Amino acid sequence: MGDNALRLRLRNLNNTQHFDIGDAGISPTQFQAATFPEPFHDKISVIHDGIDTDTVKPKADAVLKISDDLRVTRDDEVITFINRSLEPYRGYHVFVRALPKLLKARPNAQFAWWE
């Protein structure tokens, strides 16, 4: 067995070990559901976990008040980094290193981050 095949088997080990004791599984797309081994397909329901864009859509006159001095509208350029932890594993260092070049290319942009 090649390295790639072994790596894939190890990546799927958690699902393989636990799926037979579970009652159901959820996948956001048919494609992702189909990546599971055939014996698991009957237990997987495809339930889209995205945004219902018929209900949630842009509001042309929306204004986000950050503080008394700062408001953001649809016309403002905002660069965001949102993550649960500012660590290298989640790419924070790559983002921070890219900021100077990005802000030089987009001088009107504002930068915001949330953790």
PDB file of N, CA and C in Angstrom:
ATOM      1  N   MET A   1       0.859  -1.180   0.000  1.00  0.00           N
ATOM      2  CA  MET A   1       0.000   0.000   0.000  1.00  0.00           C
ATOM      3  C   MET A   1       0.900   1.235   0.000  1.00  0.00           C
ATOM      4  N   GLY A   2       0.633   2.172  -0.912  1.00  0.00           N
ATOM      5  CA  GLY A   2       1.450   3.373  -1.017  1.00  0.00           C
ATOM      6  C   GLY A   2       1.206   4.351   0.114  1.00  0.00           C
ATOM      7  N   ASP A   3       2.088   5.339   0.217  1.00  0.00           N
ATOM      8  CA  ASP A   3       1.972   6.353   1.272  1.00  0.00           C
ATOM      9  C   ASP A   3       0.647   7.093   1.223  1.00  0.00           C
ATOM     10  N   ASN A   4       0.200   7.467   0.013  1.00  0.00           N
ATOM     11  CA  ASN A   4      -1.056   8.220  -0.099  1.00  0.00           C
ATOM     12  C   ASN A   4      -2.252   7.393   0.346  1.00  0.00           C
ATOM     13  N   ALA A   5      -2.291   6.133  -0.036  1.00  0.00           N
ATOM     14  CA  ALA A   5      -3.398   5.262   0.370  1.00  0.00           C
ATOM     15  C   ALA A   5      -3.403   5.077   1.885  1.00  0.00           C
ATOM     16  N   LEU A   6      -2.235   4.895   2.462  1.00  0.00           N
ATOM     17  CA  LEU A   6      -2.132   4.744   3.907  1.00  0.00           C
ATOM     18  C   LEU A   6      -2.560   6.019   4.625  1.00  0.00           C
ATOM     19  N   ARG A   7      -2.129   7.143   4.100  1.00  0.00           N
ATOM     20  CA  ARG A   7      -2.500   8.434   4.685  1.00  0.00           C
ATOM     21  C   ARG A   7      -4.023   8.620   4.668  1.00  0.00           C
ATOM     22  N   LEU A   8      -4.669   8.252   3.575  1.00  0.00           N
ATOM     23  CA  LEU A   8      -6.127   8.366   3.464  1.00  0.00           C
ATOM     24  C   LEU A   8      -6.820   7.445   4.462  1.00  0.00           C
ATOM     25  N   ARG A   9      -6.302   6.229   4.596  1.00  0.00           N
ATOM     26  CA  ARG A   9      -6.899   5.292   5.562  1.00  0.00           C
ATOM     27  C   ARG A   9      -6.773   5.827   6.981  1.00  0.00           C
ATOM     28  N   LEU A  10      -5.624   6.401   7.307  1.00  0.00           N
ATOM     29  CA  LEU A  10      -5.439   6.966   8.646  1.00  0.00           C
ATOM     30  C   LEU A  10      -6.354   8.168   8.869  1.00  0.00           C
ATOM     31  N   ARG A  11      -6.529   8.995   7.843  1.00  0.00           N
ATOM     32  CA  ARG A  11      -7.396  10.162   7.958  1.00  0.00           C
ATOM     33  C   ARG A  11      -8.841   9.736   8.231  1.00  0.00           C
ATOM     34  N   ASN A  12      -9.246   8.618   7.652  1.00  0.00           N
ATOM     35  CA  ASN A  12     -10.617   8.144   7.808  1.00  0.00           C
ATOM     36  C   ASN A  12     -10.803   7.201   8.995  1.00  0.00           C
ATOM     37  N   LEU A  13      -9.739   6.945   9.748  1.00  0.00           N
ATOM     38  CA  LEU A  13      -9.795   5.990  10.845  1.00  0.00           C
ATOM     39  C   LEU A  13     -10.862   6.339  11.875  1.00  0.00           C
ATOM     40  N   ASN A  14     -10.957   7.598  12.271  1.00  0.00           N
ATOM     41  CA  ASN A  14     -11.940   7.992  13.280  1.00  0.00           C
ATOM     42  C   ASN A  14     -13.360   7.679  12.803  1.00  0.00           C
ATOM     43  N   ASN A  15     -13.690   8.061  11.567  1.00  0.00           N
ATOM     44  CA  ASN A  15     -15.016   7.769  11.043  1.00  0.00           C
ATOM     45  C   ASN A  15     -15.254   6.269  10.952  1.00  0.00           C
ATOM     46  N   THR A  16     -14.260   5.553  10.457  1.00  0.00           N
ATOM     47  CA  THR A  16     -14.393   4.108  10.291  1.00  0.00           C
ATOM     48  C   THR A  16     -14.630   3.419  11.631  1.00  0.00           C
ATOM     49  N   GLN A  17     -13.920   3.840  12.651  1.00  0.00           N
ATOM     50  CA  GLN A  17     -14.045   3.214  13.966  1.00  0.00           C
ATOM     51  C   GLN A  17     -15.365   3.529  14.658  1.00  0.00           C
ATOM     52  N   HIS A  18     -15.972   4.661  14.343  1.00  0.00           N
ATOM     53  CA  HIS A  18     -17.150   5.093  15.082  1.00  0.00           C
ATOM     54  C   HIS A  18     -18.462   5.030  14.305  1.00  0.00           C
ATOM     55  N   PHE A  19     -18.393   4.934  13.011  1.00  0.00           N
ATOM     56  CA  PHE A  19     -19.626   5.028  12.234  1.00  0.00           C
ATOM     57  C   PHE A  19     -20.556   3.858  12.485  1.00  0.00           C
ATOM     58  N   ASP A  20     -20.031   2.670  12.727  1.00  0.00           N
ATOM     59  CA  ASP A  20     -20.917   1.524  12.920  1.00  0.00           C
ATOM     60  C   ASP A  20     -21.678   1.573  14.236  1.00  0.00           C
ATOM     61  N   ILE A  21     -21.242   2.395  15.203  1.00  0.00           N
ATOM     62  CA  ILE A  21     -21.991   2.514  16.458  1.00  0.00           C
ATOM     63  C   ILE A  21     -22.914   3.729  16.448  1.00  0.00           C
ATOM     64  N   GLY A  22     -22.850   4.532  15.387  1.00  0.00           N
ATOM     65  CA  GLY A  22     -23.716   5.697  15.277  1.00  0.00           C
ATOM     66  C   GLY A  22     -25.034   5.354  14.597  1.00  0.00           C
ATOM     67  N   ASP A  23     -26.049   6.127  14.891  1.00  0.00           N
ATOM     68  CA  ASP A  23     -27.359   5.925  14.276  1.00  0.00           C
ATOM     69  C   ASP A  23     -27.492   6.666  12.957  1.00  0.00           C
ATOM     70  N   ALA A  24     -26.742   7.750  12.799  1.00  0.00           N
ATOM     71  CA  ALA A  24     -26.893   8.570  11.598  1.00  0.00           C
ATOM     72  C   ALA A  24     -25.661   9.423  11.391  1.00  0.00           C
ATOM     73  N   GLY A  25     -25.525   9.886  10.159  1.00  0.00           N
ATOM     74  CA  GLY A  25     -24.458  10.817   9.818  1.00  0.00           C
ATOM     75  C   GLY A  25     -25.035  11.941   8.980  1.00  0.00           C
ATOM     76  N   ILE A  26     -24.359  13.076   8.979  1.00  0.00           N
ATOM     77  CA  ILE A  26     -24.806  14.236   8.214  1.00  0.00           C
ATOM     78  C   ILE A  26     -23.666  14.683   7.316  1.00  0.00           C
ATOM     79  N   SER A  27     -23.993  15.004   6.076  1.00  0.00           N
ATOM     80  CA  SER A  27     -23.028  15.535   5.128  1.00  0.00           C
ATOM     81  C   SER A  27     -23.649  16.741   4.440  1.00  0.00           C
ATOM     82  N   PRO A  28     -22.870  17.801   4.203  1.00  0.00           N
ATOM     83  CA  PRO A  28     -23.445  18.992   3.570  1.00  0.00           C
ATOM     84  C   PRO A  28     -23.680  18.846   2.072  1.00  0.00           C
ATOM     85  N   THR A  29     -23.022  17.877   1.421  1.00  0.00           N
ATOM     86  CA  THR A  29     -23.197  17.714  -0.023  1.00  0.00           C
ATOM     87  C   THR A  29     -23.246  16.234  -0.392  1.00  0.00           C
ATOM     88  N   GLN A  30     -23.865  15.941  -1.538  1.00  0.00           N
ATOM     89  CA  GLN A  30     -23.883  14.574  -2.046  1.00  0.00           C
ATOM     90  C   GLN A  30     -22.448  14.092  -2.304  1.00  0.00           C
ATOM     91  N   PHE A  31     -21.620  14.994  -2.840  1.00  0.00           N
ATOM     92  CA  PHE A  31     -20.238  14.626  -3.132  1.00  0.00           C
ATOM     93  C   PHE A  31     -19.526  14.124  -1.879  1.00  0.00           C
ATOM     94  N   GLN A  32     -19.647  14.888  -0.783  1.00  0.00           N
ATOM     95  CA  GLN A  32     -18.964  14.490   0.445  1.00  0.00           C
ATOM     96  C   GLN A  32     -19.548  13.197   1.006  1.00  0.00           C
ATOM     97  N   ALA A  33     -20.859  13.038   0.936  1.00  0.00           N
ATOM     98  CA  ALA A  33     -21.483  11.801   1.410  1.00  0.00           C
ATOM     99  C   ALA A  33     -20.964  10.604   0.627  1.00  0.00           C
ATOM    100  N   ALA A  34     -20.754  10.787  -0.661  1.00  0.00           N
ATOM    101  CA  ALA A  34     -20.299   9.685  -1.516  1.00  0.00           C
ATOM    102  C   ALA A  34     -18.854   9.283  -1.244  1.00  0.00           C
ATOM    103  N   THR A  35     -18.102  10.109  -0.528  1.00  0.00           N
ATOM    104  CA  THR A  35     -16.717   9.761  -0.239  1.00  0.00           C
ATOM    105  C   THR A  35     -16.598   8.729   0.880  1.00  0.00           C
ATOM    106  N   PHE A  36     -17.687   8.494   1.606  1.00  0.00           N
ATOM    107  CA  PHE A  36     -17.666   7.465   2.645  1.00  0.00           C
ATOM    108  C   PHE A  36     -17.810   6.089   2.012  1.00  0.00           C
ATOM    109  N   PRO A  37     -17.307   5.069   2.665  1.00  0.00           N
ATOM    110  CA  PRO A  37     -17.456   3.715   2.129  1.00  0.00           C
ATOM    111  C   PRO A  37     -18.940   3.339   1.962  1.00  0.00           C
ATOM    112  N   GLU A  38     -19.222   2.539   0.977  1.00  0.00           N
ATOM    113  CA  GLU A  38     -20.585   2.140   0.621  1.00  0.00           C
ATOM    114  C   GLU A  38     -21.440   1.680   1.815  1.00  0.00           C
ATOM    115  N   PRO A  39     -20.904   0.884   2.743  1.00  0.00           N
ATOM    116  CA  PRO A  39     -21.752   0.430   3.860  1.00  0.00           C
ATOM    117  C   PRO A  39     -22.326   1.558   4.723  1.00  0.00           C
ATOM    118  N   PHE A  40     -21.739   2.756   4.653  1.00  0.00           N
ATOM    119  CA  PHE A  40     -22.204   3.876   5.475  1.00  0.00           C
ATOM    120  C   PHE A  40     -23.247   4.735   4.772  1.00  0.00           C
ATOM    121  N   HIS A  41     -23.409   4.598   3.479  1.00  0.00           N
ATOM    122  CA  HIS A  41     -24.257   5.507   2.700  1.00  0.00           C
ATOM    123  C   HIS A  41     -25.691   5.563   3.194  1.00  0.00           C
ATOM    124  N   ASP A  42     -26.262   4.438   3.631  1.00  0.00           N
ATOM    125  CA  ASP A  42     -27.654   4.432   4.085  1.00  0.00           C
ATOM    126  C   ASP A  42     -27.863   5.231   5.365  1.00  0.00           C
ATOM    127  N   LYS A  43     -26.823   5.435   6.125  1.00  0.00           N
ATOM    128  CA  LYS A  43     -26.942   6.182   7.382  1.00  0.00           C
ATOM    129  C   LYS A  43     -26.732   7.688   7.209  1.00  0.00           C
ATOM    130  N   ILE A  44     -26.238   8.112   6.059  1.00  0.00           N
ATOM    131  CA  ILE A  44     -25.878   9.521   5.865  1.00  0.00           C
ATOM    132  C   ILE A  44     -27.017  10.293   5.222  1.00  0.00           C
ATOM    133  N   SER A  45     -27.419  11.376   5.863  1.00  0.00           N
ATOM    134  CA  SER A  45     -28.391  12.310   5.295  1.00  0.00           C
ATOM    135  C   SER A  45     -27.642  13.529   4.783  1.00  0.00           C
ATOM    136  N   VAL A  46     -27.986  13.981   3.602  1.00  0.00           N
ATOM    137  CA  VAL A  46     -27.374  15.186   3.059  1.00  0.00           C
ATOM    138  C   VAL A  46     -28.224  16.374   3.492  1.00  0.00           C
ATOM    139  N   ILE A  47     -27.635  17.210   4.320  1.00  0.00           N
ATOM    140  CA  ILE A  47     -28.323  18.393   4.847  1.00  0.00           C
ATOM    141  C   ILE A  47     -27.398  19.578   4.634  1.00  0.00           C
ATOM    142  N   HIS A  48     -27.777  20.467   3.749  1.00  0.00           N
ATOM    143  CA  HIS A  48     -26.945  21.634   3.429  1.00  0.00           C
ATOM    144  C   HIS A  48     -26.789  22.492   4.679  1.00  0.00           C
ATOM    145  N   ASP A  49     -25.564  22.875   4.977  1.00  0.00           N
ATOM    146  CA  ASP A  49     -25.319  23.677   6.171  1.00  0.00           C
ATOM    147  C   ASP A  49     -24.906  25.106   5.837  1.00  0.00           C
ATOM    148  N   GLY A  50     -25.225  25.534   4.646  1.00  0.00           N
ATOM    149  CA  GLY A  50     -24.856  26.883   4.218  1.00  0.00           C
ATOM    150  C   GLY A  50     -25.904  27.914   4.593  1.00  0.00           C
ATOM    151  N   ILE A  51     -25.904  28.996   3.882  1.00  0.00           N
ATOM    152  CA  ILE A  51     -26.805  30.114   4.152  1.00  0.00           C
ATOM    153  C   ILE A  51     -27.938  30.105   3.148  1.00  0.00           C
ATOM    154  N   ASP A  52     -29.154  30.267   3.635  1.00  0.00           N
ATOM    155  CA  ASP A  52     -30.321  30.378   2.754  1.00  0.00           C
ATOM    156  C   ASP A  52     -30.325  31.794   2.180  1.00  0.00           C
ATOM    157  N   THR A  53     -29.842  31.941   0.967  1.00  0.00           N
ATOM    158  CA  THR A  53     -29.692  33.268   0.368  1.00  0.00           C
ATOM    159  C   THR A  53     -31.017  33.881  -0.093  1.00  0.00           C
ATOM    160  N   ASP A  54     -32.103  33.129  -0.034  1.00  0.00           N
ATOM    161  CA  ASP A  54     -33.417  33.724  -0.281  1.00  0.00           C
ATOM    162  C   ASP A  54     -33.876  34.502   0.941  1.00  0.00           C
ATOM    163  N   THR A  55     -33.428  34.066   2.117  1.00  0.00           N
ATOM    164  CA  THR A  55     -33.807  34.733   3.361  1.00  0.00           C
ATOM    165  C   THR A  55     -32.756  35.741   3.804  1.00  0.00           C
ATOM    166  N   VAL A  56     -31.505  35.334   3.762  1.00  0.00           N
ATOM    167  CA  VAL A  56     -30.406  36.181   4.212  1.00  0.00           C
ATOM    168  C   VAL A  56     -29.700  36.726   2.980  1.00  0.00           C
ATOM    169  N   LYS A  57     -29.838  38.020   2.766  1.00  0.00           N
ATOM    170  CA  LYS A  57     -29.222  38.635   1.589  1.00  0.00           C
ATOM    171  C   LYS A  57     -28.743  40.040   1.933  1.00  0.00           C
ATOM    172  N   PRO A  58     -27.875  40.593   1.128  1.00  0.00           N
ATOM    173  CA  PRO A  58     -27.333  41.927   1.418  1.00  0.00           C
ATOM    174  C   PRO A  58     -28.422  42.992   1.482  1.00  0.00           C
ATOM    175  N   LYS A  59     -28.212  43.922   2.380  1.00  0.00           N
ATOM    176  CA  LYS A  59     -29.106  45.074   2.518  1.00  0.00           C
ATOM    177  C   LYS A  59     -28.325  46.286   2.016  1.00  0.00           C
ATOM    178  N   ALA A  60     -28.824  46.920   0.973  1.00  0.00           N
ATOM    179  CA  ALA A  60     -28.088  48.000   0.300  1.00  0.00           C
ATOM    180  C   ALA A  60     -27.696  49.141   1.232  1.00  0.00           C
ATOM    181  N   ASP A  61     -28.529  49.459   2.216  1.00  0.00           N
ATOM    182  CA  ASP A  61     -28.243  50.608   3.085  1.00  0.00           C
ATOM    183  C   ASP A  61     -27.717  50.189   4.470  1.00  0.00           C
ATOM    184  N   ALA A  62     -27.199  48.988   4.582  1.00  0.00           N
ATOM    185  CA  ALA A  62     -26.695  48.502   5.867  1.00  0.00           C
ATOM    186  C   ALA A  62     -25.489  49.315   6.328  1.00  0.00           C
ATOM    187  N   VAL A  63     -25.433  49.576   7.631  1.00  0.00           N
ATOM    188  CA  VAL A  63     -24.310  50.275   8.254  1.00  0.00           C
ATOM    189  C   VAL A  63     -23.957  49.524   9.534  1.00  0.00           C
ATOM    190  N   LEU A  64     -22.672  49.202   9.682  1.00  0.00           N
ATOM    191  CA  LEU A  64     -22.197  48.559  10.893  1.00  0.00           C
ATOM    192  C   LEU A  64     -21.461  49.605  11.713  1.00  0.00           C
ATOM    193  N   LYS A  65     -21.970  49.904  12.896  1.00  0.00           N
ATOM    194  CA  LYS A  65     -21.333  50.884  13.769  1.00  0.00           C
ATOM    195  C   LYS A  65     -20.333  50.151  14.661  1.00  0.00           C
ATOM    196  N   ILE A  66     -19.050  50.422  14.421  1.00  0.00           N
ATOM    197  CA  ILE A  66     -17.980  49.811  15.205  1.00  0.00           C
ATOM    198  C   ILE A  66     -17.760  50.606  16.490  1.00  0.00           C
ATOM    199  N   SER A  67     -17.744  51.916  16.361  1.00  0.00           N
ATOM    200  CA  SER A  67     -17.597  52.824  17.497  1.00  0.00           C
ATOM    201  C   SER A  67     -18.243  54.149  17.099  1.00  0.00           C
ATOM    202  N   ASP A  68     -18.165  55.132  17.981  1.00  0.00           N
ATOM    203  CA  ASP A  68     -18.722  56.443  17.642  1.00  0.00           C
ATOM    204  C   ASP A  68     -18.021  57.059  16.434  1.00  0.00           C
ATOM    205  N   ASP A  69     -16.751  56.709  16.235  1.00  0.00           N
ATOM    206  CA  ASP A  69     -15.968  57.288  15.150  1.00  0.00           C
ATOM    207  C   ASP A  69     -15.878  56.415  13.902  1.00  0.00           C
ATOM    208  N   LEU A  70     -16.316  55.177  13.977  1.00  0.00           N
ATOM    209  CA  LEU A  70     -16.114  54.263  12.858  1.00  0.00           C
ATOM    210  C   LEU A  70     -17.395  53.530  12.489  1.00  0.00           C
ATOM    211  N   ARG A  71     -17.786  53.732  11.244  1.00  0.00           N
ATOM    212  CA  ARG A  71     -18.933  53.024  10.682  1.00  0.00           C
ATOM    213  C   ARG A  71     -18.493  52.390   9.367  1.00  0.00           C
ATOM    214  N   VAL A  72     -19.012  51.223   9.077  1.00  0.00           N
ATOM    215  CA  VAL A  72     -18.657  50.498   7.863  1.00  0.00           C
ATOM    216  C   VAL A  72     -19.928  50.272   7.044  1.00  0.00           C
ATOM    217  N   THR A  73     -19.826  50.580   5.742  1.00  0.00           N
ATOM    218  CA  THR A  73     -20.958  50.357   4.846  1.00  0.00           C
ATOM    219  C   THR A  73     -20.540  49.383   3.751  1.00  0.00           C
ATOM    220  N   ARG A  74     -21.461  49.069   2.869  1.00  0.00           N
ATOM    221  CA  ARG A  74     -21.153  48.166   1.749  1.00  0.00           C
ATOM    222  C   ARG A  74     -20.082  48.749   0.824  1.00  0.00           C
ATOM    223  N   ASP A  75     -19.910  50.046   0.848  1.00  0.00           N
ATOM    224  CA  ASP A  75     -18.932  50.687  -0.024  1.00  0.00           C
ATOM    225  C   ASP A  75     -17.503  50.614   0.518  1.00  0.00           C
ATOM    226  N   ASP A  76     -17.354  50.255   1.787  1.00  0.00           N
ATOM    227  CA  ASP A  76     -16.032  50.173   2.406  1.00  0.00           C
ATOM    228  C   ASP A  76     -15.374  48.832   2.106  1.00  0.00           C
ATOM    229  N   GLU A  77     -14.044  48.882   1.956  1.00  0.00           N
ATOM    230  CA  GLU A  77     -13.270  47.660   1.787  1.00  0.00           C
ATOM    231  C   GLU A  77     -12.796  47.203   3.160  1.00  0.00           C
ATOM    232  N   VAL A  78     -13.156  45.981   3.518  1.00  0.00           N
ATOM    233  CA  VAL A  78     -12.775  45.442   4.817  1.00  0.00           C
ATOM    234  C   VAL A  78     -12.123  44.083   4.605  1.00  0.00           C
ATOM    235  N   ILE A  79     -10.945  43.928   5.158  1.00  0.00           N
ATOM    236  CA  ILE A  79     -10.221  42.658   5.117  1.00  0.00           C
ATOM    237  C   ILE A  79     -10.388  42.029   6.489  1.00  0.00           C
ATOM    238  N   THR A  80     -10.903  40.805   6.530  1.00  0.00           N
ATOM    239  CA  THR A  80     -11.146  40.170   7.814  1.00  0.00           C
ATOM    240  C   THR A  80     -10.388  38.853   7.937  1.00  0.00           C
ATOM    241  N   PHE A  81     -10.078  38.512   9.154  1.00  0.00           N
ATOM    242  CA  PHE A  81      -9.554  37.194   9.504  1.00  0.00           C
ATOM    243  C   PHE A  81     -10.350  36.748  10.710  1.00  0.00           C
ATOM    244  N   ILE A  82     -11.127  35.707  10.537  1.00  0.00           N
ATOM    245  CA  ILE A  82     -11.978  35.224  11.621  1.00  0.00           C
ATOM    246  C   ILE A  82     -11.599  33.785  11.909  1.00  0.00           C
ATOM    247  N   ASN A  83     -11.246  33.530  13.148  1.00  0.00           N
ATOM    248  CA  ASN A  83     -10.843  32.195  13.527  1.00  0.00           C
ATOM    249  C   ASN A  83     -10.995  32.046  15.022  1.00  0.00           C
ATOM    250  N   ARG A  84     -11.034  30.816  15.470  1.00  0.00           N
ATOM    251  CA  ARG A  84     -11.205  30.614  16.909  1.00  0.00           C
ATOM    252  C   ARG A  84      -9.893  30.708  17.678  1.00  0.00           C
ATOM    253  N   SER A  85      -8.779  30.772  16.958  1.00  0.00           N
ATOM    254  CA  SER A  85      -7.487  30.866  17.631  1.00  0.00           C
ATOM    255  C   SER A  85      -6.458  31.453  16.674  1.00  0.00           C
ATOM    256  N   LEU A  86      -5.685  32.387  17.144  1.00  0.00           N
ATOM    257  CA  LEU A  86      -4.671  33.029  16.314  1.00  0.00           C
ATOM    258  C   LEU A  86      -3.361  32.258  16.447  1.00  0.00           C
ATOM    259  N   GLU A  87      -3.271  31.143  15.735  1.00  0.00           N
ATOM    260  CA  GLU A  87      -2.104  30.290  15.841  1.00  0.00           C
ATOM    261  C   GLU A  87      -1.657  29.849  14.453  1.00  0.00           C
ATOM    262  N   PRO A  88      -0.412  29.425  14.328  1.00  0.00           N
ATOM    263  CA  PRO A  88       0.096  29.012  13.018  1.00  0.00           C
ATOM    264  C   PRO A  88      -0.715  27.884  12.378  1.00  0.00           C
ATOM    265  N   TYR A  89      -1.209  26.964  13.162  1.00  0.00           N
ATOM    266  CA  TYR A  89      -1.968  25.836  12.617  1.00  0.00           C
ATOM    267  C   TYR A  89      -3.177  26.319  11.813  1.00  0.00           C
ATOM    268  N   ARG A  90      -3.727  27.438  12.178  1.00  0.00           N
ATOM    269  CA  ARG A  90      -4.908  27.975  11.512  1.00  0.00           C
ATOM    270  C   ARG A  90      -4.576  29.054  10.476  1.00  0.00           C
ATOM    271  N   GLY A  91      -3.300  29.235  10.187  1.00  0.00           N
ATOM    272  CA  GLY A  91      -2.890  30.126   9.111  1.00  0.00           C
ATOM    273  C   GLY A  91      -2.756  31.586   9.475  1.00  0.00           C
ATOM    274  N   TYR A  92      -2.813  31.904  10.753  1.00  0.00           N
ATOM    275  CA  TYR A  92      -2.729  33.308  11.159  1.00  0.00           C
ATOM    276  C   TYR A  92      -1.425  33.951  10.706  1.00  0.00           C
ATOM    277  N   HIS A  93      -0.314  33.245  10.834  1.00  0.00           N
ATOM    278  CA  HIS A  93       0.989  33.802  10.453  1.00  0.00           C
ATOM    279  C   HIS A  93       1.046  34.124   8.958  1.00  0.00           C
ATOM    280  N   VAL A  94       0.411  33.311   8.131  1.00  0.00           N
ATOM    281  CA  VAL A  94       0.378  33.556   6.686  1.00  0.00           C
ATOM    282  C   VAL A  94      -0.430  34.821   6.402  1.00  0.00           C
ATOM    283  N   PHE A  95      -1.557  34.940   7.075  1.00  0.00           N
ATOM    284  CA  PHE A  95      -2.406  36.118   6.893  1.00  0.00           C
ATOM    285  C   PHE A  95      -1.688  37.397   7.311  1.00  0.00           C
ATOM    286  N   VAL A  96      -1.062  37.389   8.477  1.00  0.00           N
ATOM    287  CA  VAL A  96      -0.372  38.582   8.986  1.00  0.00           C
ATOM    288  C   VAL A  96       0.784  38.973   8.071  1.00  0.00           C
ATOM    289  N   ARG A  97       1.508  37.992   7.563  1.00  0.00           N
ATOM    290  CA  ARG A  97       2.615  38.291   6.649  1.00  0.00           C
ATOM    291  C   ARG A  97       2.121  38.864   5.328  1.00  0.00           C
ATOM    292  N   ALA A  98       0.927  38.501   4.917  1.00  0.00           N
ATOM    293  CA  ALA A  98       0.370  38.988   3.653  1.00  0.00           C
ATOM    294  C   ALA A  98      -0.235  40.391   3.791  1.00  0.00           C
ATOM    295  N   LEU A  99      -0.544  40.817   4.995  1.00  0.00           N
ATOM    296  CA  LEU A  99      -1.212  42.104   5.197  1.00  0.00           C
ATOM    297  C   LEU A  99      -0.485  43.310   4.603  1.00  0.00           C
ATOM    298  N   PRO A 100       0.807  43.495   4.808  1.00  0.00           N
ATOM    299  CA  PRO A 100       1.456  44.686   4.242  1.00  0.00           C
ATOM    300  C   PRO A 100       1.280  44.790   2.721  1.00  0.00           C
ATOM    301  N   LYS A 101       1.477  43.697   2.020  1.00  0.00           N
ATOM    302  CA  LYS A 101       1.310  43.709   0.565  1.00  0.00           C
ATOM    303  C   LYS A 101      -0.156  43.945   0.188  1.00  0.00           C
ATOM    304  N   LEU A 102      -1.041  43.315   0.912  1.00  0.00           N
ATOM    305  CA  LEU A 102      -2.470  43.468   0.646  1.00  0.00           C
ATOM    306  C   LEU A 102      -2.935  44.902   0.891  1.00  0.00           C
ATOM    307  N   LEU A 103      -2.511  45.477   2.003  1.00  0.00           N
ATOM    308  CA  LEU A 103      -2.909  46.861   2.314  1.00  0.00           C
ATOM    309  C   LEU A 103      -2.252  47.863   1.366  1.00  0.00           C
ATOM    310  N   LYS A 104      -1.064  47.559   0.866  1.00  0.00           N
ATOM    311  CA  LYS A 104      -0.429  48.424  -0.128  1.00  0.00           C
ATOM    312  C   LYS A 104      -1.221  48.395  -1.438  1.00  0.00           C
ATOM    313  N   ALA A 105      -1.683  47.201  -1.802  1.00  0.00           N
ATOM    314  CA  ALA A 105      -2.468  47.060  -3.036  1.00  0.00           C
ATOM    315  C   ALA A 105      -3.872  47.642  -2.892  1.00  0.00           C
ATOM    316  N   ARG A 106      -4.385  47.662  -1.676  1.00  0.00           N
ATOM    317  CA  ARG A 106      -5.741  48.172  -1.418  1.00  0.00           C
ATOM    318  C   ARG A 106      -5.662  49.240  -0.325  1.00  0.00           C
ATOM    319  N   PRO A 107      -5.159  50.438  -0.633  1.00  0.00           N
ATOM    320  CA  PRO A 107      -4.904  51.458   0.395  1.00  0.00           C
ATOM    321  C   PRO A 107      -6.145  51.947   1.136  1.00  0.00           C
ATOM    322  N   ASN A 108      -7.317  51.767   0.569  1.00  0.00           N
ATOM    323  CA  ASN A 108      -8.542  52.192   1.256  1.00  0.00           C
ATOM    324  C   ASN A 108      -9.127  51.111   2.150  1.00  0.00           C
ATOM    325  N   ALA A 109      -8.529  49.947   2.141  1.00  0.00           N
ATOM    326  CA  ALA A 109      -9.056  48.829   2.918  1.00  0.00           C
ATOM    327  C   ALA A 109      -8.772  49.026   4.405  1.00  0.00           C
ATOM    328  N   GLN A 110      -9.667  48.467   5.201  1.00  0.00           N
ATOM    329  CA  GLN A 110      -9.489  48.438   6.628  1.00  0.00           C
ATOM    330  C   GLN A 110      -9.346  46.975   7.035  1.00  0.00           C
ATOM    331  N   PHE A 111      -8.610  46.733   8.100  1.00  0.00           N
ATOM    332  CA  PHE A 111      -8.343  45.377   8.545  1.00  0.00           C
ATOM    333  C   PHE A 111      -9.030  45.148   9.877  1.00  0.00           C
ATOM    334  N   ALA A 112      -9.691  44.001  10.003  1.00  0.00           N
ATOM    335  CA  ALA A 112     -10.339  43.633  11.263  1.00  0.00           C
ATOM    336  C   ALA A 112     -10.124  42.147  11.509  1.00  0.00           C
ATOM    337  N   TRP A 113      -9.989  41.762  12.771  1.00  0.00           N
ATOM    338  CA  TRP A 113      -9.877  40.343  13.079  1.00  0.00           C
ATOM    339  C   TRP A 113     -10.712  40.015  14.307  1.00  0.00           C
ATOM    340  N   TRP A 114     -11.208  38.823  14.317  1.00  0.00           N
ATOM    341  CA  TRP A 114     -11.988  38.328  15.449  1.00  0.00           C
ATOM    342  C   TRP A 114     -11.448  36.979  15.847  1.00  0.00           C
ATOM    343  N   GLU A 115     -11.443  36.751  17.134  1.00  0.00           N
ATOM    344  CA  GLU A 115     -11.000  35.457  17.649  1.00  0.00           C
ATOM    345  C   GLU A 115     -12.101  34.898  18.512  1.00  0.00           C
TER     346      GLU A 115
END
